[in-house]
Amino acid sequence: MAGFYNPLWLLGLILIPVIYYLHYLATKKKKQEALTFSRVAFLQSALGDTKKSRRPQVLFILALVALALLFIGLADPHIPLEQTKEGVNVVLVIDDSGSMQATDYQPSRIEAAKNAAGVLLSHLDAKDNAGVVLFSSGATTTAYLSPDKDRVMEKLKSITPTNGQTAIGDGLSLAVDMAKSLPSQKKVIVLLSDGVNNAGVISPDEAVGFAQSAGIQVFTVGLGSDQPALLGYDLMGTPQYATLDEATLQSIAEKTGGKYFKSVNSDTLSQIYAGLNSQITREKEETSIKDFFIIGALILLLVELYLRYGRGRIIP
């Protein structure tokens, strides 16, 4: 909502009509004195160069407008702008559990996730901060929030696969804490997982509650095929499969005001990540525009000085 940070300065605008009225009285008195002194001189002045006679009035108006702009600028006006001034905190939460080693994405789910996360980093705004949280049986911070996307990218590339379970709640709750570390920023979490929660201290529903309390959007990307993917065989020769739990990921996104994306292959996954930046809600922020008024006042004053003392000046 538009307004002023220092509205008391607007009281200075009352001086504008007062000054104008005093100038009017002074001009009227001066003409009366001139008429008393010499009626002929007054008539010659009144019938003289109309353009020249109006010039002092134009200069006076310019000075008044400049003064008005200065008072408005000192009142520090602000308007809501679409672009977030401080940027956005974007925390990538990547599933590094054993199921992410499935090869239904080439060369594996985890490598496809890392590559796609890199695409998202490259599409973030310069003022945005990015961080990475990794989770399997527990959760850990891989890269703290930073505007240095190259450093975050290096940390992302260093991720190696594990054989742990999937603690989505732990990963999401740690991401919420990271996103809140810069409280003045808009906060967004991007969770990439196959969605099968089977470990951890914090449940996905509890983590969603944390995100809701902090007003954080969570976008989720389901990484997995429609059919279970073969991981390998246990010691008894029993085949082990990796599945995709879309219901959990859809619920997380819906409850936090984010969006769920179903990835079909590594190419579409990259496209999804590339488009996530446009999905991020960038709230309008109250941004000061006082500089425009102050600059406008200075320009008018310079014009007034040029007309008064520059080329075609009205006084010698």
C-alpha atoms as a PDB file:
ATOM      1  CA  MET A   1       0.000   0.000   0.000  1.00  0.00           C
ATOM      2  CA  ALA A   2       1.387   3.385  -0.983  1.00  0.00           C
ATOM      3  CA  GLY A   3       2.191   5.916   1.734  1.00  0.00           C
ATOM      4  CA  PHE A   4       4.906   7.976   3.415  1.00  0.00           C
ATOM      5  CA  TYR A   5       7.539   6.947   5.945  1.00  0.00           C
ATOM      6  CA  ASN A   6       7.980  10.525   7.280  1.00  0.00           C
ATOM      7  CA  PRO A   7       4.593  12.178   6.627  1.00  0.00           C
ATOM      8  CA  LEU A   8       5.255  15.181   8.899  1.00  0.00           C
ATOM      9  CA  TRP A   9       7.390  16.694   6.132  1.00  0.00           C
ATOM     10  CA  LEU A  10       4.192  17.057   4.094  1.00  0.00           C
ATOM     11  CA  LEU A  11       3.225  19.899   6.428  1.00  0.00           C
ATOM     12  CA  GLY A  12       5.835  21.895   4.531  1.00  0.00           C
ATOM     13  CA  LEU A  13       3.473  21.891   1.538  1.00  0.00           C
ATOM     14  CA  ILE A  14       1.318  24.374   3.470  1.00  0.00           C
ATOM     15  CA  LEU A  15       4.076  26.909   2.858  1.00  0.00           C
ATOM     16  CA  ILE A  16       3.588  26.712  -0.915  1.00  0.00           C
ATOM     17  CA  PRO A  17       0.258  28.602  -1.124  1.00  0.00           C
ATOM     18  CA  VAL A  18       1.430  30.944   1.658  1.00  0.00           C
ATOM     19  CA  ILE A  19       4.577  31.850  -0.276  1.00  0.00           C
ATOM     20  CA  TYR A  20       2.573  32.248  -3.475  1.00  0.00           C
ATOM     21  CA  TYR A  21       0.103  34.578  -1.745  1.00  0.00           C
ATOM     22  CA  LEU A  22       2.890  36.691  -0.206  1.00  0.00           C
ATOM     23  CA  HIS A  23       4.550  36.893  -3.628  1.00  0.00           C
ATOM     24  CA  TYR A  24       1.249  37.986  -5.141  1.00  0.00           C
ATOM     25  CA  LEU A  25       0.846  40.737  -2.512  1.00  0.00           C
ATOM     26  CA  ALA A  26       4.441  41.885  -2.998  1.00  0.00           C
ATOM     27  CA  THR A  27       4.020  42.029  -6.774  1.00  0.00           C
ATOM     28  CA  LYS A  28       0.749  43.916  -6.487  1.00  0.00           C
ATOM     29  CA  LYS A  29       2.290  46.436  -4.090  1.00  0.00           C
ATOM     30  CA  LYS A  30       5.264  46.906  -6.364  1.00  0.00           C
ATOM     31  CA  LYS A  31       2.974  47.683  -9.317  1.00  0.00           C
ATOM     32  CA  GLN A  32       0.990  50.169  -7.264  1.00  0.00           C
ATOM     33  CA  GLU A  33       4.199  51.918  -6.205  1.00  0.00           C
ATOM     34  CA  ALA A  34       5.380  51.995  -9.821  1.00  0.00           C
ATOM     35  CA  LEU A  35       2.049  53.464 -10.896  1.00  0.00           C
ATOM     36  CA  THR A  36       2.306  56.161  -8.244  1.00  0.00           C
ATOM     37  CA  PHE A  37       5.856  56.963  -9.285  1.00  0.00           C
ATOM     38  CA  SER A  38       5.225  57.098 -13.005  1.00  0.00           C
ATOM     39  CA  ARG A  39       2.017  56.273 -14.860  1.00  0.00           C
ATOM     40  CA  VAL A  40       3.866  56.406 -18.165  1.00  0.00           C
ATOM     41  CA  ALA A  41       6.533  53.959 -17.037  1.00  0.00           C
ATOM     42  CA  PHE A  42       3.869  51.595 -15.770  1.00  0.00           C
ATOM     43  CA  LEU A  43       1.974  51.692 -19.083  1.00  0.00           C
ATOM     44  CA  GLN A  44       5.145  51.038 -21.005  1.00  0.00           C
ATOM     45  CA  SER A  45       5.918  48.084 -18.775  1.00  0.00           C
ATOM     46  CA  ALA A  46       2.414  46.699 -19.102  1.00  0.00           C
ATOM     47  CA  LEU A  47       2.401  47.001 -22.900  1.00  0.00           C
ATOM     48  CA  GLY A  48       5.975  45.819 -23.352  1.00  0.00           C
ATOM     49  CA  ASP A  49       7.384  42.379 -24.201  1.00  0.00           C
ATOM     50  CA  THR A  50       4.746  39.928 -22.913  1.00  0.00           C
ATOM     51  CA  LYS A  51       7.162  36.959 -23.016  1.00  0.00           C
ATOM     52  CA  LYS A  52       9.737  38.847 -21.011  1.00  0.00           C
ATOM     53  CA  SER A  53       7.185  40.082 -18.461  1.00  0.00           C
ATOM     54  CA  ARG A  54       6.010  36.525 -17.757  1.00  0.00           C
ATOM     55  CA  ARG A  55       9.468  35.116 -17.290  1.00  0.00           C
ATOM     56  CA  PRO A  56       9.895  36.093 -13.627  1.00  0.00           C
ATOM     57  CA  GLN A  57       6.561  34.458 -12.892  1.00  0.00           C
ATOM     58  CA  VAL A  58       7.687  31.239 -14.638  1.00  0.00           C
ATOM     59  CA  LEU A  59      10.907  31.225 -12.606  1.00  0.00           C
ATOM     60  CA  PHE A  60       8.951  31.709  -9.408  1.00  0.00           C
ATOM     61  CA  ILE A  61       6.585  28.818 -10.251  1.00  0.00           C
ATOM     62  CA  LEU A  62       9.569  26.565 -11.008  1.00  0.00           C
ATOM     63  CA  ALA A  63      11.058  27.354  -7.615  1.00  0.00           C
ATOM     64  CA  LEU A  64       7.742  26.611  -5.868  1.00  0.00           C
ATOM     65  CA  VAL A  65       7.324  23.272  -7.668  1.00  0.00           C
ATOM     66  CA  ALA A  66      10.920  22.339  -6.792  1.00  0.00           C
ATOM     67  CA  LEU A  67      10.227  23.186  -3.142  1.00  0.00           C
ATOM     68  CA  ALA A  68       7.050  21.060  -3.195  1.00  0.00           C
ATOM     69  CA  LEU A  69       8.931  18.100  -4.688  1.00  0.00           C
ATOM     70  CA  LEU A  70      11.608  18.472  -2.037  1.00  0.00           C
ATOM     71  CA  PHE A  71       9.054  18.324   0.790  1.00  0.00           C
ATOM     72  CA  ILE A  72       7.425  15.248  -0.772  1.00  0.00           C
ATOM     73  CA  GLY A  73      10.832  13.589  -1.135  1.00  0.00           C
ATOM     74  CA  LEU A  74      11.714  14.296   2.502  1.00  0.00           C
ATOM     75  CA  ALA A  75       8.391  12.680   3.490  1.00  0.00           C
ATOM     76  CA  ASP A  76       9.855   9.494   1.898  1.00  0.00           C
ATOM     77  CA  PRO A  77       6.971   8.176  -0.252  1.00  0.00           C
ATOM     78  CA  HIS A  78       6.808   4.461  -0.977  1.00  0.00           C
ATOM     79  CA  ILE A  79       4.814   2.271  -3.346  1.00  0.00           C
ATOM     80  CA  PRO A  80       4.427  -1.521  -3.663  1.00  0.00           C
ATOM     81  CA  LEU A  81       6.699  -2.974  -6.341  1.00  0.00           C
ATOM     82  CA  GLU A  82       6.435  -6.511  -7.746  1.00  0.00           C
ATOM     83  CA  GLN A  83      10.118  -7.378  -7.598  1.00  0.00           C
ATOM     84  CA  THR A  84      11.308  -8.453  -4.172  1.00  0.00           C
ATOM     85  CA  LYS A  85      13.991  -6.006  -3.125  1.00  0.00           C
ATOM     86  CA  GLU A  86      15.869  -8.382  -0.816  1.00  0.00           C
ATOM     87  CA  GLY A  87      15.490 -11.453  -2.996  1.00  0.00           C
ATOM     88  CA  VAL A  88      14.234 -14.911  -2.025  1.00  0.00           C
ATOM     89  CA  ASN A  89      15.661 -17.642   0.190  1.00  0.00           C
ATOM     90  CA  VAL A  90      15.505 -20.849  -1.867  1.00  0.00           C
ATOM     91  CA  VAL A  91      16.416 -24.058  -0.033  1.00  0.00           C
ATOM     92  CA  LEU A  92      16.874 -27.196  -2.113  1.00  0.00           C
ATOM     93  CA  VAL A  93      16.025 -30.366  -0.173  1.00  0.00           C
ATOM     94  CA  ILE A  94      17.406 -33.442  -1.911  1.00  0.00           C
ATOM     95  CA  ASP A  95      16.636 -37.052  -1.073  1.00  0.00           C
ATOM     96  CA  ASP A  96      19.892 -39.045  -0.890  1.00  0.00           C
ATOM     97  CA  SER A  97      18.443 -42.319   0.368  1.00  0.00           C
ATOM     98  CA  GLY A  98      19.218 -45.719  -1.112  1.00  0.00           C
ATOM     99  CA  SER A  99      16.140 -45.622  -3.343  1.00  0.00           C
ATOM    100  CA  MET A 100      17.602 -42.587  -5.133  1.00  0.00           C
ATOM    101  CA  GLN A 101      20.215 -44.897  -6.667  1.00  0.00           C
ATOM    102  CA  ALA A 102      17.549 -46.425  -8.898  1.00  0.00           C
ATOM    103  CA  THR A 103      18.470 -46.172 -12.563  1.00  0.00           C
ATOM    104  CA  ASP A 104      15.040 -45.385 -14.013  1.00  0.00           C
ATOM    105  CA  TYR A 105      16.673 -41.944 -14.402  1.00  0.00           C
ATOM    106  CA  GLN A 106      20.051 -41.981 -16.109  1.00  0.00           C
ATOM    107  CA  PRO A 107      22.597 -42.412 -14.742  1.00  0.00           C
ATOM    108  CA  SER A 108      20.585 -42.519 -11.487  1.00  0.00           C
ATOM    109  CA  ARG A 109      17.837 -40.639  -9.696  1.00  0.00           C
ATOM    110  CA  ILE A 110      20.281 -38.818  -7.426  1.00  0.00           C
ATOM    111  CA  GLU A 111      22.496 -37.666 -10.316  1.00  0.00           C
ATOM    112  CA  ALA A 112      19.468 -36.515 -12.280  1.00  0.00           C
ATOM    113  CA  ALA A 113      18.322 -34.609  -9.189  1.00  0.00           C
ATOM    114  CA  LYS A 114      21.708 -32.921  -8.806  1.00  0.00           C
ATOM    115  CA  ASN A 115      21.774 -31.889 -12.467  1.00  0.00           C
ATOM    116  CA  ALA A 116      18.254 -30.516 -12.332  1.00  0.00           C
ATOM    117  CA  ALA A 117      18.971 -28.639  -9.094  1.00  0.00           C
ATOM    118  CA  GLY A 118      21.858 -26.973 -10.906  1.00  0.00           C
ATOM    119  CA  VAL A 119      19.413 -25.814 -13.579  1.00  0.00           C
ATOM    120  CA  LEU A 120      17.252 -24.173 -10.919  1.00  0.00           C
ATOM    121  CA  LEU A 121      20.255 -22.429  -9.365  1.00  0.00           C
ATOM    122  CA  SER A 122      21.174 -20.949 -12.726  1.00  0.00           C
ATOM    123  CA  HIS A 123      17.662 -19.537 -13.140  1.00  0.00           C
ATOM    124  CA  LEU A 124      17.452 -17.787  -9.772  1.00  0.00           C
ATOM    125  CA  ASP A 125      17.708 -14.004  -9.550  1.00  0.00           C
ATOM    126  CA  ALA A 126      21.018 -12.428  -8.578  1.00  0.00           C
ATOM    127  CA  LYS A 127      19.615 -11.234  -5.220  1.00  0.00           C
ATOM    128  CA  ASP A 128      18.259 -14.665  -4.303  1.00  0.00           C
ATOM    129  CA  ASN A 129      20.014 -16.806  -1.698  1.00  0.00           C
ATOM    130  CA  ALA A 130      20.315 -20.571  -2.178  1.00  0.00           C
ATOM    131  CA  GLY A 131      21.095 -23.409   0.206  1.00  0.00           C
ATOM    132  CA  VAL A 132      21.065 -27.215   0.068  1.00  0.00           C
ATOM    133  CA  VAL A 133      19.797 -29.731   2.615  1.00  0.00           C
ATOM    134  CA  LEU A 134      20.487 -33.434   2.106  1.00  0.00           C
ATOM    135  CA  PHE A 135      18.524 -36.192   3.796  1.00  0.00           C
ATOM    136  CA  SER A 136      18.442 -39.977   3.976  1.00  0.00           C
ATOM    137  CA  SER A 137      18.091 -41.671   7.398  1.00  0.00           C
ATOM    138  CA  GLY A 138      18.673 -38.198   8.877  1.00  0.00           C
ATOM    139  CA  ALA A 139      19.209 -34.686   7.549  1.00  0.00           C
ATOM    140  CA  THR A 140      22.295 -32.523   7.139  1.00  0.00           C
ATOM    141  CA  THR A 141      23.210 -29.129   5.712  1.00  0.00           C
ATOM    142  CA  THR A 142      25.261 -29.374   2.536  1.00  0.00           C
ATOM    143  CA  ALA A 143      25.383 -25.663   1.648  1.00  0.00           C
ATOM    144  CA  TYR A 144      24.274 -22.781   3.854  1.00  0.00           C
ATOM    145  CA  LEU A 145      22.163 -19.966   2.406  1.00  0.00           C
ATOM    146  CA  SER A 146      24.298 -17.741   0.203  1.00  0.00           C
ATOM    147  CA  PRO A 147      23.956 -15.452  -2.814  1.00  0.00           C
ATOM    148  CA  ASP A 148      27.084 -17.147  -4.183  1.00  0.00           C
ATOM    149  CA  LYS A 149      25.417 -19.637  -6.508  1.00  0.00           C
ATOM    150  CA  ASP A 150      28.777 -20.974  -7.756  1.00  0.00           C
ATOM    151  CA  ARG A 151      29.776 -22.051  -4.263  1.00  0.00           C
ATOM    152  CA  VAL A 152      26.392 -23.698  -3.729  1.00  0.00           C
ATOM    153  CA  MET A 153      26.810 -25.450  -7.072  1.00  0.00           C
ATOM    154  CA  GLU A 154      30.160 -26.885  -5.970  1.00  0.00           C
ATOM    155  CA  LYS A 155      28.575 -28.265  -2.802  1.00  0.00           C
ATOM    156  CA  LEU A 156      25.757 -29.715  -4.872  1.00  0.00           C
ATOM    157  CA  LYS A 157      28.147 -31.531  -7.180  1.00  0.00           C
ATOM    158  CA  SER A 158      29.977 -33.063  -4.209  1.00  0.00           C
ATOM    159  CA  ILE A 159      26.901 -35.041  -3.104  1.00  0.00           C
ATOM    160  CA  THR A 160      27.480 -38.814  -3.239  1.00  0.00           C
ATOM    161  CA  PRO A 161      24.871 -41.588  -3.005  1.00  0.00           C
ATOM    162  CA  THR A 162      24.156 -43.410   0.278  1.00  0.00           C
ATOM    163  CA  ASN A 163      22.251 -46.519   1.297  1.00  0.00           C
ATOM    164  CA  GLY A 164      20.156 -44.908   4.011  1.00  0.00           C
ATOM    165  CA  GLN A 165      16.411 -44.744   4.456  1.00  0.00           C
ATOM    166  CA  THR A 166      14.164 -41.731   3.731  1.00  0.00           C
ATOM    167  CA  ALA A 167      13.506 -39.141   6.465  1.00  0.00           C
ATOM    168  CA  ILE A 168      11.453 -36.539   4.613  1.00  0.00           C
ATOM    169  CA  GLY A 169      10.210 -34.869   7.790  1.00  0.00           C
ATOM    170  CA  ASP A 170      13.745 -34.372   9.121  1.00  0.00           C
ATOM    171  CA  GLY A 171      14.936 -32.946   5.800  1.00  0.00           C
ATOM    172  CA  LEU A 172      11.992 -30.587   5.440  1.00  0.00           C
ATOM    173  CA  SER A 173      12.173 -29.309   9.026  1.00  0.00           C
ATOM    174  CA  LEU A 174      15.904 -28.568   8.670  1.00  0.00           C
ATOM    175  CA  ALA A 175      15.146 -26.727   5.432  1.00  0.00           C
ATOM    176  CA  VAL A 176      12.527 -24.621   7.250  1.00  0.00           C
ATOM    177  CA  ASP A 177      15.133 -23.641   9.855  1.00  0.00           C
ATOM    178  CA  MET A 178      17.585 -22.682   7.110  1.00  0.00           C
ATOM    179  CA  ALA A 179      14.998 -20.660   5.177  1.00  0.00           C
ATOM    180  CA  LYS A 180      14.155 -18.742   8.373  1.00  0.00           C
ATOM    181  CA  SER A 181      17.811 -17.853   9.041  1.00  0.00           C
ATOM    182  CA  LEU A 182      17.328 -14.620   7.072  1.00  0.00           C
ATOM    183  CA  PRO A 183      13.918 -13.530   8.375  1.00  0.00           C
ATOM    184  CA  SER A 184      13.489 -10.485   6.135  1.00  0.00           C
ATOM    185  CA  GLN A 185      13.543 -12.624   3.005  1.00  0.00           C
ATOM    186  CA  LYS A 186      10.736 -14.353   1.146  1.00  0.00           C
ATOM    187  CA  LYS A 187      11.164 -18.078   1.794  1.00  0.00           C
ATOM    188  CA  VAL A 188      10.781 -21.011  -0.609  1.00  0.00           C
ATOM    189  CA  ILE A 189      11.679 -24.698  -0.313  1.00  0.00           C
ATOM    190  CA  VAL A 190      12.068 -27.107  -3.211  1.00  0.00           C
ATOM    191  CA  LEU A 191      11.847 -30.748  -2.128  1.00  0.00           C
ATOM    192  CA  LEU A 192      12.985 -33.466  -4.490  1.00  0.00           C
ATOM    193  CA  SER A 193      12.288 -37.036  -3.418  1.00  0.00           C
ATOM    194  CA  ASP A 194      10.572 -40.286  -4.282  1.00  0.00           C
ATOM    195  CA  GLY A 195       8.305 -39.495  -1.348  1.00  0.00           C
ATOM    196  CA  VAL A 196       8.529 -42.799   0.534  1.00  0.00           C
ATOM    197  CA  ASN A 197       9.039 -41.673   4.148  1.00  0.00           C
ATOM    198  CA  ASN A 198      10.320 -44.538   6.323  1.00  0.00           C
ATOM    199  CA  ALA A 199      12.734 -42.971   8.835  1.00  0.00           C
ATOM    200  CA  GLY A 200      13.469 -39.904  10.918  1.00  0.00           C
ATOM    201  CA  VAL A 201      12.381 -38.260  14.156  1.00  0.00           C
ATOM    202  CA  ILE A 202       9.983 -35.704  12.633  1.00  0.00           C
ATOM    203  CA  SER A 203       7.028 -36.793  10.520  1.00  0.00           C
ATOM    204  CA  PRO A 204       6.234 -35.104   7.184  1.00  0.00           C
ATOM    205  CA  ASP A 205       3.000 -33.687   8.689  1.00  0.00           C
ATOM    206  CA  GLU A 206       4.911 -32.107  11.584  1.00  0.00           C
ATOM    207  CA  ALA A 207       7.427 -30.595   9.171  1.00  0.00           C
ATOM    208  CA  VAL A 208       4.553 -29.230   7.067  1.00  0.00           C
ATOM    209  CA  GLY A 209       3.227 -27.555  10.204  1.00  0.00           C
ATOM    210  CA  PHE A 210       6.599 -25.845  10.703  1.00  0.00           C
ATOM    211  CA  ALA A 211       6.539 -24.595   7.122  1.00  0.00           C
ATOM    212  CA  GLN A 212       2.962 -23.333   7.469  1.00  0.00           C
ATOM    213  CA  SER A 213       3.810 -21.438  10.674  1.00  0.00           C
ATOM    214  CA  ALA A 214       6.734 -19.760   8.923  1.00  0.00           C
ATOM    215  CA  GLY A 215       4.692 -18.946   5.808  1.00  0.00           C
ATOM    216  CA  ILE A 216       7.021 -20.942   3.550  1.00  0.00           C
ATOM    217  CA  GLN A 217       5.981 -22.297   0.153  1.00  0.00           C
ATOM    218  CA  VAL A 218       7.166 -25.839  -0.514  1.00  0.00           C
ATOM    219  CA  PHE A 219       7.412 -27.055  -4.099  1.00  0.00           C
ATOM    220  CA  THR A 220       7.791 -30.807  -4.451  1.00  0.00           C
ATOM    221  CA  VAL A 221       9.134 -32.847  -7.344  1.00  0.00           C
ATOM    222  CA  GLY A 222       8.320 -36.542  -7.479  1.00  0.00           C
ATOM    223  CA  LEU A 223      11.322 -38.435  -8.783  1.00  0.00           C
ATOM    224  CA  GLY A 224      10.321 -41.924  -9.874  1.00  0.00           C
ATOM    225  CA  SER A 225       8.710 -43.992 -12.579  1.00  0.00           C
ATOM    226  CA  ASP A 226       5.081 -45.062 -12.718  1.00  0.00           C
ATOM    227  CA  GLN A 227       6.254 -48.628 -12.119  1.00  0.00           C
ATOM    228  CA  PRO A 228       8.608 -49.738  -9.278  1.00  0.00           C
ATOM    229  CA  ALA A 229      12.273 -49.580 -10.299  1.00  0.00           C
ATOM    230  CA  LEU A 230      14.588 -52.498  -9.549  1.00  0.00           C
ATOM    231  CA  LEU A 231      17.382 -51.540  -7.144  1.00  0.00           C
ATOM    232  CA  GLY A 232      19.059 -54.907  -6.796  1.00  0.00           C
ATOM    233  CA  TYR A 233      18.820 -58.077  -4.695  1.00  0.00           C
ATOM    234  CA  ASP A 234      19.328 -58.762  -1.011  1.00  0.00           C
ATOM    235  CA  LEU A 235      21.440 -61.571   0.450  1.00  0.00           C
ATOM    236  CA  MET A 236      18.529 -63.957   0.028  1.00  0.00           C
ATOM    237  CA  GLY A 237      18.168 -63.085  -3.643  1.00  0.00           C
ATOM    238  CA  THR A 238      14.954 -61.173  -3.130  1.00  0.00           C
ATOM    239  CA  PRO A 239      14.564 -58.273  -5.558  1.00  0.00           C
ATOM    240  CA  GLN A 240      14.465 -54.770  -3.998  1.00  0.00           C
ATOM    241  CA  TYR A 241      12.388 -52.045  -5.638  1.00  0.00           C
ATOM    242  CA  ALA A 242      12.216 -48.268  -5.448  1.00  0.00           C
ATOM    243  CA  THR A 243       8.728 -46.761  -5.635  1.00  0.00           C
ATOM    244  CA  LEU A 244       7.218 -43.284  -5.824  1.00  0.00           C
ATOM    245  CA  ASP A 245       4.811 -41.947  -3.175  1.00  0.00           C
ATOM    246  CA  GLU A 246       3.103 -39.068  -4.963  1.00  0.00           C
ATOM    247  CA  ALA A 247       0.389 -38.657  -2.329  1.00  0.00           C
ATOM    248  CA  THR A 248       2.868 -37.507   0.329  1.00  0.00           C
ATOM    249  CA  LEU A 249       4.576 -35.037  -1.993  1.00  0.00           C
ATOM    250  CA  GLN A 250       1.263 -33.675  -3.278  1.00  0.00           C
ATOM    251  CA  SER A 251       0.018 -33.160   0.285  1.00  0.00           C
ATOM    252  CA  ILE A 252       3.167 -31.258   1.306  1.00  0.00           C
ATOM    253  CA  ALA A 253       2.909 -28.912  -1.660  1.00  0.00           C
ATOM    254  CA  GLU A 254      -0.835 -28.335  -1.330  1.00  0.00           C
ATOM    255  CA  LYS A 255      -0.775 -27.570   2.409  1.00  0.00           C
ATOM    256  CA  THR A 256       2.054 -25.040   2.096  1.00  0.00           C
ATOM    257  CA  GLY A 257       0.773 -23.168  -0.955  1.00  0.00           C
ATOM    258  CA  GLY A 258       3.387 -24.635  -3.287  1.00  0.00           C
ATOM    259  CA  LYS A 259       2.970 -26.941  -6.253  1.00  0.00           C
ATOM    260  CA  TYR A 260       3.683 -30.576  -7.039  1.00  0.00           C
ATOM    261  CA  PHE A 261       5.481 -31.586 -10.217  1.00  0.00           C
ATOM    262  CA  LYS A 262       5.450 -35.113 -11.606  1.00  0.00           C
ATOM    263  CA  SER A 263       8.685 -35.746 -13.418  1.00  0.00           C
ATOM    264  CA  VAL A 264       8.606 -38.287 -16.217  1.00  0.00           C
ATOM    265  CA  ASN A 265      12.260 -38.326 -17.217  1.00  0.00           C
ATOM    266  CA  SER A 266      15.474 -36.378 -16.663  1.00  0.00           C
ATOM    267  CA  ASP A 267      14.698 -33.947 -19.516  1.00  0.00           C
ATOM    268  CA  THR A 268      11.309 -32.981 -18.134  1.00  0.00           C
ATOM    269  CA  LEU A 269      12.835 -32.776 -14.657  1.00  0.00           C
ATOM    270  CA  SER A 270      15.263 -30.128 -15.909  1.00  0.00           C
ATOM    271  CA  GLN A 271      12.400 -28.234 -17.525  1.00  0.00           C
ATOM    272  CA  ILE A 272      10.434 -28.343 -14.290  1.00  0.00           C
ATOM    273  CA  TYR A 273      13.322 -26.914 -12.315  1.00  0.00           C
ATOM    274  CA  ALA A 274      13.962 -24.252 -14.931  1.00  0.00           C
ATOM    275  CA  GLY A 275      10.351 -23.119 -14.601  1.00  0.00           C
ATOM    276  CA  LEU A 276      10.226 -23.157 -10.813  1.00  0.00           C
ATOM    277  CA  ASN A 277      11.642 -19.629 -10.582  1.00  0.00           C
ATOM    278  CA  SER A 278       8.569 -18.311 -12.397  1.00  0.00           C
ATOM    279  CA  GLN A 279       6.342 -20.257  -9.983  1.00  0.00           C
ATOM    280  CA  ILE A 280       7.860 -18.576  -6.916  1.00  0.00           C
ATOM    281  CA  THR A 281       5.497 -15.970  -5.508  1.00  0.00           C
ATOM    282  CA  ARG A 282       7.448 -12.720  -5.214  1.00  0.00           C
ATOM    283  CA  GLU A 283       5.447 -10.483  -2.942  1.00  0.00           C
ATOM    284  CA  LYS A 284       5.053  -6.784  -3.629  1.00  0.00           C
ATOM    285  CA  GLU A 285       7.235  -4.739  -1.329  1.00  0.00           C
ATOM    286  CA  GLU A 286       6.966  -1.174  -0.134  1.00  0.00           C
ATOM    287  CA  THR A 287       9.840   0.561  -1.926  1.00  0.00           C
ATOM    288  CA  SER A 288      10.908   4.149  -1.305  1.00  0.00           C
ATOM    289  CA  ILE A 289      10.731   6.488  -4.307  1.00  0.00           C
ATOM    290  CA  LYS A 290      11.939   9.631  -2.531  1.00  0.00           C
ATOM    291  CA  ASP A 291      15.000   9.857  -4.780  1.00  0.00           C
ATOM    292  CA  PHE A 292      12.798  10.549  -7.808  1.00  0.00           C
ATOM    293  CA  PHE A 293      11.232  13.572  -6.092  1.00  0.00           C
ATOM    294  CA  ILE A 294      14.542  14.913  -4.803  1.00  0.00           C
ATOM    295  CA  ILE A 295      16.172  14.505  -8.217  1.00  0.00           C
ATOM    296  CA  GLY A 296      13.152  16.197  -9.813  1.00  0.00           C
ATOM    297  CA  ALA A 297      13.513  19.126  -7.393  1.00  0.00           C
ATOM    298  CA  LEU A 298      17.213  19.488  -8.210  1.00  0.00           C
ATOM    299  CA  ILE A 299      16.518  19.412 -11.952  1.00  0.00           C
ATOM    300  CA  LEU A 300      13.906  22.151 -11.640  1.00  0.00           C
ATOM    301  CA  LEU A 301      16.267  24.272  -9.570  1.00  0.00           C
ATOM    302  CA  LEU A 302      18.991  23.865 -12.182  1.00  0.00           C
ATOM    303  CA  VAL A 303      16.528  24.866 -14.915  1.00  0.00           C
ATOM    304  CA  GLU A 304      15.500  27.892 -12.856  1.00  0.00           C
ATOM    305  CA  LEU A 305      19.145  28.920 -12.378  1.00  0.00           C
ATOM    306  CA  TYR A 306      19.880  28.479 -16.073  1.00  0.00           C
ATOM    307  CA  LEU A 307      16.898  30.604 -17.115  1.00  0.00           C
ATOM    308  CA  ARG A 308      17.816  33.255 -14.573  1.00  0.00           C
ATOM    309  CA  TYR A 309      21.585  33.450 -15.080  1.00  0.00           C
ATOM    310  CA  GLY A 310      22.335  31.495 -18.230  1.00  0.00           C
ATOM    311  CA  ARG A 311      21.749  32.255 -21.872  1.00  0.00           C
ATOM    312  CA  GLY A 312      18.908  34.716 -22.355  1.00  0.00           C
ATOM    313  CA  ARG A 313      19.026  35.640 -18.666  1.00  0.00           C
ATOM    314  CA  ILE A 314      16.576  38.229 -17.435  1.00  0.00           C
ATOM    315  CA  ILE A 315      19.099  40.168 -15.329  1.00  0.00           C
ATOM    316  CA  PRO A 316      22.510  41.487 -16.376  1.00  0.00           C
END
